[in-house]
């Protein structure tokens, strides 16, 4: 199954969370794009964030955010150059 625009919006929201602390949440403002607002509502319905307009990560949400941030880190890291034995 390929990533849909809706899933990408959800992943982008998960990227906004600071995983260094559980004391900091996010707020999706009423003037955000409709796609972002809908993505936050879907994440809340899936049990990943505490409020429909952001809030905090749930335990499941933290797992998802960790995985999504790890995947992004892998994808944006330049490939290692193959070393040749001399």
Protein backbone atom coordinates (compact mmCIF):
# COMPACT_ATOMS: atom_id res chain seq x y z
CA UNK A 1 0.00 0.00 0.00
CA UNK A 2 1.58 3.32 -1.01
CA UNK A 3 1.57 6.39 1.20
CA UNK A 4 -1.50 8.48 0.50
CA UNK A 5 -1.57 12.27 0.91
CA UNK A 6 -3.67 11.71 4.05
CA UNK A 7 -1.09 9.37 5.60
CA UNK A 8 1.70 11.80 4.73
CA UNK A 9 -0.16 14.57 6.59
CA UNK A 10 -0.47 12.30 9.61
CA UNK A 11 3.24 11.46 9.45
CA UNK A 12 4.06 15.17 9.18
CA UNK A 13 2.12 15.83 12.37
CA UNK A 14 3.93 13.01 14.18
CA UNK A 15 7.21 14.62 13.10
CA UNK A 16 6.30 17.78 15.03
CA UNK A 17 6.44 16.08 18.42
CA UNK A 18 9.61 16.48 20.48
CA UNK A 19 10.43 12.96 21.65
CA UNK A 20 13.02 14.24 24.12
CA UNK A 21 10.18 15.10 26.51
CA UNK A 22 6.68 13.88 27.17
CA UNK A 23 5.79 17.23 28.73
CA UNK A 24 5.48 19.09 25.44
CA UNK A 25 2.53 18.68 23.12
CA UNK A 26 1.43 20.45 19.97
CA UNK A 27 -1.56 22.59 19.04
CA UNK A 28 -3.20 22.54 15.62
CA UNK A 29 -4.77 25.97 15.26
CA UNK A 30 -8.20 26.54 13.75
CA UNK A 31 -6.65 28.43 10.84
CA UNK A 32 -4.38 25.53 9.83
CA UNK A 33 -5.03 23.95 6.45
CA UNK A 34 -8.07 21.67 6.29
CA UNK A 35 -5.75 18.75 5.46
CA UNK A 36 -3.73 19.28 8.65
CA UNK A 37 -6.85 19.65 10.80
CA UNK A 38 -8.31 16.46 9.31
CA UNK A 39 -5.03 14.59 9.85
CA UNK A 40 -4.98 15.57 13.53
CA UNK A 41 -8.55 14.41 13.91
CA UNK A 42 -7.67 11.06 12.33
CA UNK A 43 -4.66 10.63 14.62
CA UNK A 44 -6.91 11.33 17.60
CA UNK A 45 -9.53 8.84 16.34
CA UNK A 46 -6.75 6.23 15.97
CA UNK A 47 -5.68 6.84 19.57
CA UNK A 48 -2.28 8.33 18.72
CA UNK A 49 -2.79 11.84 20.15
CA UNK A 50 -4.77 12.96 23.17
CA UNK A 51 -6.87 15.69 21.53
CA UNK A 52 -8.43 16.19 18.11
CA UNK A 53 -6.44 19.42 17.74
CA UNK A 54 -3.11 18.06 18.95
CA UNK A 55 -2.35 17.62 22.61
CA UNK A 56 0.09 14.95 23.66
CA UNK A 57 1.17 11.63 22.25
CA UNK A 58 -0.47 8.57 23.71
CA UNK A 59 1.79 5.56 24.37
CA UNK A 60 0.80 4.17 20.95
CA UNK A 61 1.36 7.61 19.42
CA UNK A 62 4.82 7.80 20.93
CA UNK A 63 5.69 4.45 19.35
CA UNK A 64 4.38 5.68 16.00
CA UNK A 65 6.24 9.00 16.27
CA UNK A 66 9.49 7.22 17.17
CA UNK A 67 9.15 4.92 14.18
CA UNK A 68 8.20 7.70 11.77
CA UNK A 69 11.06 9.91 12.94
CA UNK A 70 13.51 7.02 12.67
CA UNK A 71 12.31 6.24 9.15
CA UNK A 72 12.66 9.86 8.08
CA UNK A 73 16.17 9.95 9.52
CA UNK A 74 17.10 6.90 7.48
CA UNK A 75 15.59 8.28 4.29
CA UNK A 76 17.23 11.70 4.49
CA UNK A 77 20.69 10.38 5.41
CA UNK A 78 23.00 10.32 2.40
CA UNK A 79 23.92 6.78 1.41
CA UNK A 80 27.24 5.49 2.66
CA UNK A 81 29.82 5.16 -0.05
CA UNK A 82 31.03 1.64 -0.61
CA UNK A 83 34.65 1.30 0.38
CA UNK A 84 36.92 -0.77 -1.75
CA UNK A 85 39.60 -2.95 -0.26
CA UNK A 86 43.05 -1.78 -1.29
